[in-house]
Amino acid sequence: MYDDDDGLEDGHLNEDLERFEAFYEKGESIGFLDSDRWEMLIDHLMINGQYSKAAVCIEEALSQFSYITLFKLRYAQVYSALGKLKESINLLNEIERSDFPSFELLLTKASVFSQLKDSDNAIKYFKKALSAADDTDKDEVYLDLAMEYQNAGKYNLALNVLREAIHENPQNEGAVYEMAHCYEQLGDYESSVKCYSDFIDNNPYSFTAWYNLGNAYSRLDDFEKAIWAYDYGLLINDQFGPIYFNLGNAYLSQNKFTMAIKNFNQCIVLDGEDPIALCYIGECHEQLGELELARHYYQKSLELAPLLPDAWLGLGIVKDLEGNTYEAISLIIKASELDPENAGIYHVLAGAYEKLEDFDKTKEAYEMALLFDSEDEECLTNYISFLKESSLVEAYNYLLECEAQHIQNEILPILKIDVMWLMGMKTEAYDLFKECVNTNREKALELFEVNPSLQNVPEFVLLGDE
């Protein structure tokens, strides 16, 4: 908001600083200074974060030039920086009443209202500042206004402002980033991808755009394109640790564990040891069957972050794979205590209890997992498979209960078809399968994965082939 400090190039600034320090520390008279020298001295103190000194300096400047509005504006900015927001607003209101509001006044007032969490007034004054702004200042105000709309949860209005910002300046990378962020908050990841892609068409060497495009593809679970975008980003800048971390995640999601390890390690080389990266390296080695290495990395992760639930879970899985299920359960429970609403941990715990044939605790763990993530298809499939072994009726009743609760799990009707067929409800099973084929044929065909024996039933096969 105020002029950047030009170092000590001004011939008077050193001298004026010495005079002010003598006044501030020893009470010596500072004497008369021209208004422009006061302005430079005040701006120097503010730029360097010396707000208490700046306040004293402004008071002295006003004692000599009480009519200069800029010094009052600087006082309001100092109040704001010191957290005296009401004092700042009161002074800004006084200035606005007595003088024609300048761009800097309007922008300052908007910023203070934003600090006060008064989004309505902040938006009002950012709009006024935008109307008063020179072309060179508009980019900053567009972003401020968009951010205020975001703070108020008005993402569509923020998008309108950001479109105007990009229309004014197609090179405004900050506006592109915020626009994509708004789309993500609205759950519209496809538009986020398009936003970054359009920007890249005109700015193909923008590392930030390629990096964020990769992140947007990752949120869409399109990891192949995410890897493609991250790789382009690395051609532009190969010294940014987070891109290797996200690239490692993308490879991990594709079960390309060796490539994932390579990228997590490069992230560590650039940014130092990170407990999450070490934990994910442990997971990669676990998936590769390299249990000693997996344990090493999980333990190394816990040395840095003793309360990291994923690392405790990983150690539990390693113990279980080594045949020590009792000890594994204690480690998995530790993970659940640290992250008590993590459905995946309870799913793993259910499998461990099932292995020990502790069926009451198996049921309890499965139902906790589905309580926290009712849409987990694998977990519901495993739980129904577990229930079927002891009681088809119990499995069927559980599925009916899920339907009554309007649980949106896409595998649920497929599992119901299987259970009904096994219970002898063959007409009902066939009718439901027909309905599923008409709704989503690809999903319906997963019935043959749930119960491969149904591939020998002509009615199901013929309907599936239509």
Protein backbone atom coordinates (compact mmCIF):
# COMPACT_ATOMS: atom_id res chain seq x y z
CA MET A 1 0.00 0.00 0.00
CA TYR A 2 2.91 2.30 0.64
CA ASP A 3 6.02 2.87 -1.42
CA ASP A 4 8.71 0.22 -1.32
CA ASP A 5 11.83 1.18 0.58
CA ASP A 6 14.67 1.97 -1.80
CA GLY A 7 17.28 0.90 0.75
CA LEU A 8 19.36 3.83 1.94
CA GLU A 9 19.79 5.47 -1.46
CA ASP A 10 17.97 8.64 -0.41
CA GLY A 11 20.49 11.13 0.85
CA HIS A 12 18.41 12.12 3.89
CA LEU A 13 17.12 8.76 5.05
CA ASN A 14 20.19 7.74 7.07
CA GLU A 15 20.32 11.13 8.71
CA ASP A 16 16.57 11.16 9.44
CA LEU A 17 16.70 7.67 10.90
CA GLU A 18 19.48 8.71 13.25
CA ARG A 19 17.53 11.80 14.33
CA PHE A 20 14.39 9.75 14.89
CA GLU A 21 16.23 7.08 16.91
CA ALA A 22 17.74 9.79 19.14
CA PHE A 23 14.25 11.22 19.64
CA TYR A 24 12.70 7.79 20.25
CA GLU A 25 15.38 6.45 22.59
CA LYS A 26 16.62 9.60 24.34
CA GLY A 27 13.86 12.17 23.88
CA GLU A 28 16.09 14.49 21.83
CA SER A 29 14.32 16.96 19.54
CA ILE A 30 13.91 15.67 16.01
CA GLY A 31 13.35 19.16 14.60
CA PHE A 32 11.51 20.09 11.44
CA LEU A 33 11.41 17.78 8.41
CA ASP A 34 9.80 18.31 5.02
CA SER A 35 6.63 16.26 4.54
CA ASP A 36 8.22 14.01 1.90
CA ARG A 37 11.05 13.15 4.32
CA TRP A 38 8.49 12.27 7.02
CA GLU A 39 6.70 10.08 4.49
CA MET A 40 9.88 8.25 3.56
CA LEU A 41 10.80 7.75 7.21
CA ILE A 42 7.32 6.43 8.10
CA ASP A 43 7.25 4.09 5.11
CA HIS A 44 10.71 2.77 5.98
CA LEU A 45 9.58 1.88 9.50
CA MET A 46 6.37 0.26 8.31
CA ILE A 47 8.05 -1.76 5.58
CA ASN A 48 10.45 -3.11 8.18
CA GLY A 49 7.62 -4.04 10.55
CA GLN A 50 8.49 -1.45 13.18
CA TYR A 51 4.89 -0.43 13.74
CA SER A 52 5.17 0.93 17.29
CA LYS A 53 7.98 3.22 16.18
CA ALA A 54 6.01 4.13 13.07
CA ALA A 55 3.08 5.22 15.27
CA VAL A 56 5.35 7.59 17.21
CA CYS A 57 6.86 8.87 13.99
CA ILE A 58 3.39 9.56 12.53
CA GLU A 59 2.36 11.49 15.64
CA GLU A 60 5.39 13.77 15.21
CA ALA A 61 4.70 14.16 11.51
CA LEU A 62 1.10 15.15 12.25
CA SER A 63 2.27 17.68 14.83
CA GLN A 64 3.97 19.50 11.95
CA PHE A 65 1.55 18.65 9.11
CA SER A 66 -1.85 18.01 10.70
CA TYR A 67 -3.64 18.62 7.40
CA ILE A 68 -1.88 15.85 5.43
CA THR A 69 -4.37 13.00 4.99
CA LEU A 70 -1.69 10.49 4.00
CA PHE A 71 -0.18 10.56 7.52
CA LYS A 72 -3.61 9.81 9.04
CA LEU A 73 -4.03 6.96 6.57
CA ARG A 74 -0.65 5.58 7.60
CA TYR A 75 -1.82 5.79 11.24
CA ALA A 76 -4.89 3.71 10.36
CA GLN A 77 -2.64 1.16 8.63
CA VAL A 78 -0.39 1.01 11.71
CA TYR A 79 -3.45 0.46 13.93
CA SER A 80 -4.45 -2.41 11.64
CA ALA A 81 -0.98 -3.95 11.75
CA LEU A 82 -0.99 -3.75 15.57
CA GLY A 83 -4.38 -5.47 15.74
CA LYS A 84 -6.26 -2.31 16.79
CA LEU A 85 -8.92 -2.86 14.16
CA LYS A 86 -11.74 -0.79 15.64
CA GLU A 87 -9.39 2.18 16.10
CA SER A 88 -8.29 1.71 12.49
CA ILE A 89 -11.87 1.68 11.16
CA ASN A 90 -12.82 4.74 13.23
CA LEU A 91 -9.90 6.71 11.83
CA LEU A 92 -10.62 5.54 8.29
CA ASN A 93 -14.25 6.63 8.65
CA GLU A 94 -13.05 10.06 9.80
CA ILE A 95 -10.73 10.38 6.81
CA GLU A 96 -13.47 9.25 4.42
CA ARG A 97 -15.89 11.87 5.77
CA SER A 98 -13.41 14.71 5.53
CA ASP A 99 -11.70 13.95 2.24
CA PHE A 100 -12.38 12.40 -1.17
CA PRO A 101 -11.70 8.68 -0.70
CA SER A 102 -8.55 7.59 -2.50
CA PHE A 103 -7.84 4.13 -3.90
CA GLU A 104 -5.45 3.43 -1.02
CA LEU A 105 -8.03 4.47 1.58
CA LEU A 106 -10.70 2.23 0.05
CA LEU A 107 -8.31 -0.72 -0.18
CA THR A 108 -7.13 -0.22 3.40
CA LYS A 109 -10.70 -0.04 4.68
CA ALA A 110 -11.65 -3.20 2.77
CA SER A 111 -8.64 -5.02 4.22
CA VAL A 112 -9.49 -3.98 7.78
CA PHE A 113 -13.11 -5.11 7.36
CA SER A 114 -11.74 -8.42 6.08
CA GLN A 115 -9.61 -8.74 9.24
CA LEU A 116 -12.76 -8.04 11.26
CA LYS A 117 -14.48 -10.94 9.44
CA ASP A 118 -17.05 -8.45 8.14
CA SER A 119 -17.27 -9.88 4.63
CA ASP A 120 -20.20 -7.73 3.49
CA ASN A 121 -18.36 -4.44 4.16
CA ALA A 122 -15.06 -5.88 2.95
CA ILE A 123 -16.68 -6.83 -0.37
CA LYS A 124 -18.34 -3.41 -0.61
CA TYR A 125 -15.03 -1.56 -0.21
CA PHE A 126 -13.01 -3.93 -2.40
CA LYS A 127 -15.55 -3.17 -5.16
CA LYS A 128 -15.11 0.57 -4.55
CA ALA A 129 -11.33 0.15 -4.60
CA LEU A 130 -11.60 -1.75 -7.87
CA SER A 131 -13.55 1.13 -9.42
CA ALA A 132 -10.86 3.60 -8.28
CA ALA A 133 -7.88 1.44 -9.22
CA ASP A 134 -5.41 2.10 -12.01
CA ASP A 135 -4.90 -0.74 -14.48
CA THR A 136 -1.66 -1.69 -12.72
CA ASP A 137 -3.48 -2.11 -9.38
CA LYS A 138 -6.51 -4.05 -10.58
CA ASP A 139 -4.93 -7.53 -10.43
CA GLU A 140 -4.32 -7.20 -6.69
CA VAL A 141 -7.86 -5.97 -6.00
CA TYR A 142 -9.50 -8.65 -8.13
CA LEU A 143 -7.72 -11.30 -6.08
CA ASP A 144 -8.60 -9.60 -2.79
CA LEU A 145 -12.26 -9.38 -3.75
CA ALA A 146 -12.33 -13.01 -4.92
CA MET A 147 -10.69 -14.14 -1.69
CA GLU A 148 -13.32 -12.27 0.32
CA TYR A 149 -16.10 -14.00 -1.60
CA GLN A 150 -14.36 -17.30 -0.84
CA ASN A 151 -14.14 -16.39 2.86
CA ALA A 152 -17.91 -15.89 2.74
CA GLY A 153 -18.38 -19.25 1.01
CA LYS A 154 -19.64 -17.54 -2.18
CA TYR A 155 -17.51 -19.49 -4.64
CA ASN A 156 -19.63 -18.82 -7.72
CA LEU A 157 -19.38 -15.05 -7.15
CA ALA A 158 -15.63 -15.45 -6.62
CA LEU A 159 -15.45 -17.24 -9.97
CA ASN A 160 -17.18 -14.32 -11.70
CA VAL A 161 -14.58 -11.90 -10.32
CA LEU A 162 -11.70 -14.17 -11.27
CA ARG A 163 -12.98 -14.51 -14.83
CA GLU A 164 -12.91 -10.71 -15.06
CA ALA A 165 -9.37 -10.72 -13.66
CA ILE A 166 -8.17 -13.19 -16.28
CA HIS A 167 -9.99 -11.26 -19.03
CA GLU A 168 -8.10 -8.13 -17.93
CA ASN A 169 -4.80 -9.99 -17.62
CA PRO A 170 -4.51 -13.47 -19.18
CA GLN A 171 -1.11 -13.84 -17.46
CA ASN A 172 -2.64 -13.55 -13.97
CA GLU A 173 -1.47 -16.88 -12.59
CA GLY A 174 -2.79 -16.11 -9.11
CA ALA A 175 -6.30 -15.67 -10.50
CA VAL A 176 -6.06 -18.99 -12.34
CA TYR A 177 -4.98 -20.73 -9.14
CA GLU A 178 -7.84 -19.21 -7.15
CA MET A 179 -10.34 -20.04 -9.88
CA ALA A 180 -9.30 -23.69 -9.86
CA HIS A 181 -9.48 -23.66 -6.05
CA CYS A 182 -13.09 -22.40 -6.24
CA TYR A 183 -14.00 -25.20 -8.64
CA GLU A 184 -12.44 -27.70 -6.25
CA GLN A 185 -14.43 -26.29 -3.33
CA LEU A 186 -17.57 -26.73 -5.45
CA GLY A 187 -16.51 -30.30 -6.27
CA ASP A 188 -16.22 -29.45 -9.96
CA TYR A 189 -12.80 -30.96 -10.60
CA GLU A 190 -13.37 -31.24 -14.34
CA SER A 191 -13.68 -27.45 -14.57
CA SER A 192 -10.57 -27.13 -12.43
CA VAL A 193 -8.69 -29.26 -14.95
CA LYS A 194 -10.02 -27.16 -17.85
CA CYS A 195 -9.03 -23.96 -16.05
CA TYR A 196 -5.40 -25.04 -15.70
CA SER A 197 -5.31 -26.59 -19.19
CA ASP A 198 -6.56 -23.38 -20.83
CA PHE A 199 -3.94 -21.36 -18.94
CA ILE A 200 -1.20 -23.79 -20.00
CA ASP A 201 -2.24 -23.41 -23.65
CA ASN A 202 -1.11 -19.77 -23.43
CA ASN A 203 1.60 -20.25 -20.78
CA PRO A 204 3.21 -23.65 -21.49
CA TYR A 205 6.19 -22.99 -19.21
CA SER A 206 4.18 -22.26 -16.08
CA PHE A 207 5.45 -24.73 -13.50
CA THR A 208 2.69 -23.82 -11.04
CA ALA A 209 -0.02 -24.51 -13.61
CA TRP A 210 1.41 -27.94 -14.52
CA TYR A 211 1.79 -28.82 -10.83
CA ASN A 212 -1.78 -27.84 -10.01
CA LEU A 213 -3.09 -29.58 -13.11
CA GLY A 214 -1.49 -32.75 -11.78
CA ASN A 215 -3.19 -32.18 -8.42
CA ALA A 216 -6.56 -31.68 -10.13
CA TYR A 217 -6.19 -34.93 -12.09
CA SER A 218 -5.24 -36.70 -8.84
CA ARG A 219 -8.47 -35.49 -7.21
CA LEU A 220 -10.33 -37.05 -10.16
CA ASP A 221 -8.41 -40.29 -9.53
CA ASP A 222 -7.01 -39.98 -13.07
CA PHE A 223 -3.50 -40.86 -11.95
CA GLU A 224 -2.14 -41.56 -15.42
CA LYS A 225 -2.84 -37.97 -16.50
CA ALA A 226 -1.67 -36.70 -13.11
CA ILE A 227 1.70 -38.36 -13.68
CA TRP A 228 1.83 -36.86 -17.19
CA ALA A 229 1.22 -33.36 -15.79
CA TYR A 230 3.72 -33.76 -12.95
CA ASP A 231 6.37 -34.99 -15.41
CA TYR A 232 5.91 -31.86 -17.54
CA GLY A 233 6.21 -29.78 -14.39
CA LEU A 234 9.51 -31.47 -13.57
CA LEU A 235 10.89 -30.56 -17.00
CA ILE A 236 10.44 -26.92 -15.96
CA ASN A 237 11.49 -27.20 -12.28
CA ASP A 238 13.01 -30.36 -10.86
CA GLN A 239 13.91 -28.85 -7.47
CA PHE A 240 10.42 -28.65 -5.92
CA GLY A 241 9.94 -31.34 -3.28
CA PRO A 242 6.10 -31.47 -3.13
CA ILE A 243 5.79 -32.43 -6.79
CA TYR A 244 7.85 -35.57 -6.13
CA PHE A 245 5.66 -36.36 -3.12
CA ASN A 246 2.47 -36.06 -5.18
CA LEU A 247 4.04 -37.99 -8.04
CA GLY A 248 4.92 -40.74 -5.57
CA ASN A 249 1.30 -40.79 -4.41
CA ALA A 250 0.08 -41.09 -7.99
CA TYR A 251 2.40 -44.04 -8.67
CA LEU A 252 1.36 -45.63 -5.35
CA SER A 253 -2.30 -45.35 -6.38
CA GLN A 254 -1.42 -47.19 -9.61
CA ASN A 255 0.41 -49.93 -7.66
CA LYS A 256 3.69 -48.89 -9.28
CA PHE A 257 5.54 -49.23 -6.02
CA THR A 258 9.15 -49.00 -7.25
CA MET A 259 8.46 -45.71 -9.03
CA ALA A 260 6.59 -44.45 -5.98
CA ILE A 261 9.59 -45.21 -3.73
CA LYS A 262 11.93 -43.41 -6.14
CA ASN A 263 9.84 -40.23 -6.04
CA PHE A 264 9.22 -40.25 -2.28
CA ASN A 265 12.97 -40.60 -1.79
CA GLN A 266 13.63 -37.63 -4.11
CA CYS A 267 11.16 -35.57 -2.08
CA ILE A 268 13.15 -36.46 1.06
CA VAL A 269 16.44 -35.51 -0.66
CA LEU A 270 15.07 -32.04 -1.44
CA ASP A 271 12.98 -31.30 1.66
CA GLY A 272 14.45 -33.53 4.37
CA GLU A 273 12.93 -36.51 6.12
CA ASP A 274 9.16 -36.37 6.25
CA PRO A 275 7.15 -38.85 8.36
CA ILE A 276 4.36 -39.17 5.78
CA ALA A 277 6.80 -39.82 2.91
CA LEU A 278 8.64 -42.40 5.03
CA CYS A 279 5.34 -44.05 5.94
CA TYR A 280 4.35 -44.29 2.27
CA ILE A 281 7.74 -45.78 1.39
CA GLY A 282 7.00 -48.34 4.10
CA GLU A 283 3.64 -49.08 2.47
CA CYS A 284 5.33 -49.58 -0.91
CA HIS A 285 7.79 -52.08 0.53
CA GLU A 286 4.91 -53.80 2.33
CA GLN A 287 3.04 -54.19 -0.97
CA LEU A 288 6.22 -55.54 -2.56
CA GLY A 289 6.44 -58.16 0.19
CA GLU A 290 9.65 -56.59 1.56
CA LEU A 291 8.48 -56.73 5.16
CA GLU A 292 11.80 -55.93 6.85
CA LEU A 293 12.17 -52.76 4.82
CA ALA A 294 8.51 -51.90 5.41
CA ARG A 295 8.99 -52.21 9.18
CA HIS A 296 12.17 -50.10 9.00
CA TYR A 297 10.40 -47.21 7.26
CA TYR A 298 7.29 -47.38 9.44
CA GLN A 299 9.47 -47.22 12.55
CA LYS A 300 11.55 -44.40 11.08
CA SER A 301 8.31 -42.52 10.38
CA LEU A 302 7.19 -42.99 14.00
CA GLU A 303 10.51 -41.67 15.29
CA LEU A 304 9.62 -38.36 13.64
CA ALA A 305 5.86 -38.48 14.30
CA PRO A 306 4.99 -40.86 17.17
CA LEU A 307 1.27 -40.12 16.79
CA LEU A 308 0.99 -40.92 13.08
CA PRO A 309 -1.85 -43.48 12.80
CA ASP A 310 -0.92 -44.70 9.30
CA ALA A 311 2.51 -45.80 10.50
CA TRP A 312 1.03 -47.71 13.47
CA LEU A 313 -1.44 -49.35 11.07
CA GLY A 314 1.41 -50.26 8.73
CA LEU A 315 3.35 -51.89 11.53
CA GLY A 316 0.20 -53.82 12.48
CA ILE A 317 -0.25 -55.07 8.92
CA VAL A 318 3.41 -56.16 8.77
CA LYS A 319 3.01 -58.10 12.05
CA ASP A 320 -0.14 -59.75 10.69
CA LEU A 321 1.60 -60.73 7.45
CA GLU A 322 4.39 -62.25 9.52
CA GLY A 323 1.83 -64.41 11.33
CA ASN A 324 1.76 -62.51 14.62
CA THR A 325 -1.88 -61.47 14.47
CA TYR A 326 -2.33 -60.96 18.22
CA GLU A 327 0.45 -58.37 18.32
CA ALA A 328 -0.83 -56.92 15.05
CA ILE A 329 -4.23 -56.22 16.62
CA SER A 330 -2.68 -54.21 19.46
CA LEU A 331 -0.87 -52.03 16.91
CA ILE A 332 -3.98 -51.59 14.75
CA ILE A 333 -6.00 -50.62 17.83
CA LYS A 334 -3.32 -48.02 18.62
CA ALA A 335 -3.89 -46.60 15.12
CA SER A 336 -7.67 -46.51 15.67
CA GLU A 337 -7.22 -44.65 18.97
CA LEU A 338 -5.17 -42.00 17.17
CA ASP A 339 -7.67 -41.74 14.29
CA PRO A 340 -10.99 -42.95 15.71
CA GLU A 341 -13.10 -42.16 12.65
CA ASN A 342 -10.87 -43.81 10.04
CA ALA A 343 -12.98 -46.47 8.35
CA GLY A 344 -9.97 -48.15 6.73
CA ILE A 345 -8.36 -48.94 10.08
CA TYR A 346 -11.51 -50.72 11.32
CA HIS A 347 -11.67 -52.66 8.05
CA VAL A 348 -8.14 -53.94 8.60
CA LEU A 349 -8.98 -54.69 12.25
CA ALA A 350 -12.02 -56.72 11.17
CA GLY A 351 -9.83 -58.86 8.93
CA ALA A 352 -7.41 -59.52 11.80
CA TYR A 353 -10.19 -60.51 14.21
CA GLU A 354 -11.72 -62.73 11.52
CA LYS A 355 -8.40 -64.50 11.13
CA LEU A 356 -8.44 -65.25 14.86
CA GLU A 357 -12.10 -66.39 14.60
CA ASP A 358 -13.19 -63.77 17.13
CA PHE A 359 -16.45 -63.26 15.30
CA ASP A 360 -18.15 -60.85 17.71
CA LYS A 361 -15.25 -58.41 17.43
CA THR A 362 -15.10 -59.01 13.68
CA LYS A 363 -18.72 -57.87 13.33
CA GLU A 364 -18.13 -54.90 15.59
CA ALA A 365 -15.10 -53.78 13.56
CA TYR A 366 -16.85 -54.19 10.19
CA GLU A 367 -19.84 -52.20 11.37
CA MET A 368 -17.59 -49.44 12.73
CA ALA A 369 -15.86 -49.29 9.34
CA LEU A 370 -19.18 -49.02 7.50
CA LEU A 371 -20.47 -46.48 10.00
CA PHE A 372 -17.65 -44.12 9.03
CA ASP A 373 -17.68 -44.96 5.32
CA SER A 374 -20.95 -46.51 4.23
CA GLU A 375 -19.95 -46.22 0.53
CA ASP A 376 -16.89 -48.50 0.81
CA GLU A 377 -17.76 -51.27 -1.64
CA GLU A 378 -14.88 -53.56 -0.69
CA CYS A 379 -15.69 -53.34 3.02
CA LEU A 380 -19.41 -54.07 2.49
CA THR A 381 -18.56 -56.97 0.18
CA ASN A 382 -16.18 -58.45 2.76
CA TYR A 383 -18.68 -58.02 5.60
CA ILE A 384 -21.52 -59.70 3.67
CA SER A 385 -19.14 -62.52 2.72
CA PHE A 386 -18.31 -62.92 6.42
CA LEU A 387 -22.00 -62.93 7.44
CA LYS A 388 -22.93 -65.42 4.71
CA GLU A 389 -20.65 -68.03 6.21
CA SER A 390 -22.78 -68.25 9.36
CA SER A 391 -26.20 -66.95 8.30
CA LEU A 392 -27.63 -65.99 4.91
CA VAL A 393 -30.63 -64.54 6.72
CA GLU A 394 -28.42 -62.25 8.79
CA ALA A 395 -26.58 -61.12 5.64
CA TYR A 396 -29.89 -60.44 3.87
CA ASN A 397 -31.35 -58.55 6.84
CA TYR A 398 -28.24 -56.38 7.08
CA LEU A 399 -28.59 -55.44 3.40
CA LEU A 400 -32.27 -54.61 3.92
CA GLU A 401 -31.31 -52.44 6.89
CA CYS A 402 -28.79 -50.57 4.71
CA GLU A 403 -31.50 -49.97 2.12
CA ALA A 404 -33.89 -48.69 4.80
CA GLN A 405 -31.22 -46.21 5.87
CA HIS A 406 -30.85 -45.09 2.21
CA ILE A 407 -27.15 -45.94 2.21
CA GLN A 408 -25.70 -45.14 -1.20
CA ASN A 409 -23.32 -48.02 -1.82
CA GLU A 410 -23.27 -49.12 -5.46
CA ILE A 411 -22.36 -52.73 -4.70
CA LEU A 412 -25.32 -53.19 -2.33
CA PRO A 413 -27.92 -54.40 -4.91
CA ILE A 414 -25.33 -56.73 -6.44
CA LEU A 415 -24.69 -58.33 -3.05
CA LYS A 416 -28.44 -58.56 -2.47
CA ILE A 417 -28.89 -60.48 -5.75
CA ASP A 418 -26.24 -62.97 -4.66
CA VAL A 419 -27.73 -63.50 -1.20
CA MET A 420 -31.28 -63.84 -2.55
CA TRP A 421 -30.12 -66.44 -5.08
CA LEU A 422 -28.40 -68.44 -2.36
CA MET A 423 -31.55 -68.22 -0.20
CA GLY A 424 -33.67 -69.67 -3.01
CA MET A 425 -35.31 -66.36 -3.94
CA LYS A 426 -34.40 -66.95 -7.57
CA THR A 427 -37.15 -64.99 -9.30
CA GLU A 428 -36.50 -61.95 -7.08
CA ALA A 429 -32.75 -62.25 -7.68
CA TYR A 430 -33.21 -62.43 -11.45
CA ASP A 431 -35.65 -59.47 -11.51
CA LEU A 432 -33.24 -57.31 -9.49
CA PHE A 433 -30.35 -58.30 -11.75
CA LYS A 434 -32.40 -57.27 -14.79
CA GLU A 435 -33.10 -53.93 -13.15
CA CYS A 436 -29.38 -53.44 -12.36
CA VAL A 437 -28.38 -54.27 -15.97
CA ASN A 438 -30.79 -51.65 -17.26
CA THR A 439 -29.48 -49.06 -14.80
CA ASN A 440 -25.73 -49.75 -15.01
CA ARG A 441 -24.72 -52.81 -17.00
CA GLU A 442 -21.02 -52.58 -16.19
CA LYS A 443 -21.74 -52.47 -12.46
CA ALA A 444 -24.28 -55.27 -12.71
CA LEU A 445 -21.68 -57.60 -14.26
CA GLU A 446 -19.67 -57.39 -11.04
CA LEU A 447 -22.16 -60.00 -9.80
CA PHE A 448 -20.00 -62.63 -11.52
CA GLU A 449 -17.01 -61.49 -9.45
CA VAL A 450 -19.04 -61.66 -6.24
CA ASN A 451 -20.36 -65.15 -7.13
CA PRO A 452 -18.48 -66.75 -10.07
CA SER A 453 -20.82 -69.77 -10.00
CA LEU A 454 -23.57 -67.58 -11.46
CA GLN A 455 -21.64 -67.60 -14.74
CA ASN A 456 -23.07 -71.11 -15.15
CA VAL A 457 -26.67 -69.88 -14.85
CA PRO A 458 -27.92 -69.24 -18.42
CA GLU A 459 -30.55 -66.64 -17.40
CA PHE A 460 -27.93 -64.40 -15.83
CA VAL A 461 -25.37 -64.91 -18.57
CA LEU A 462 -27.83 -64.19 -21.38
CA LEU A 463 -29.11 -61.04 -19.70
CA GLY A 464 -25.55 -59.89 -19.02
CA ASP A 465 -24.60 -60.43 -22.70
CA GLU A 466 -27.47 -58.37 -24.08
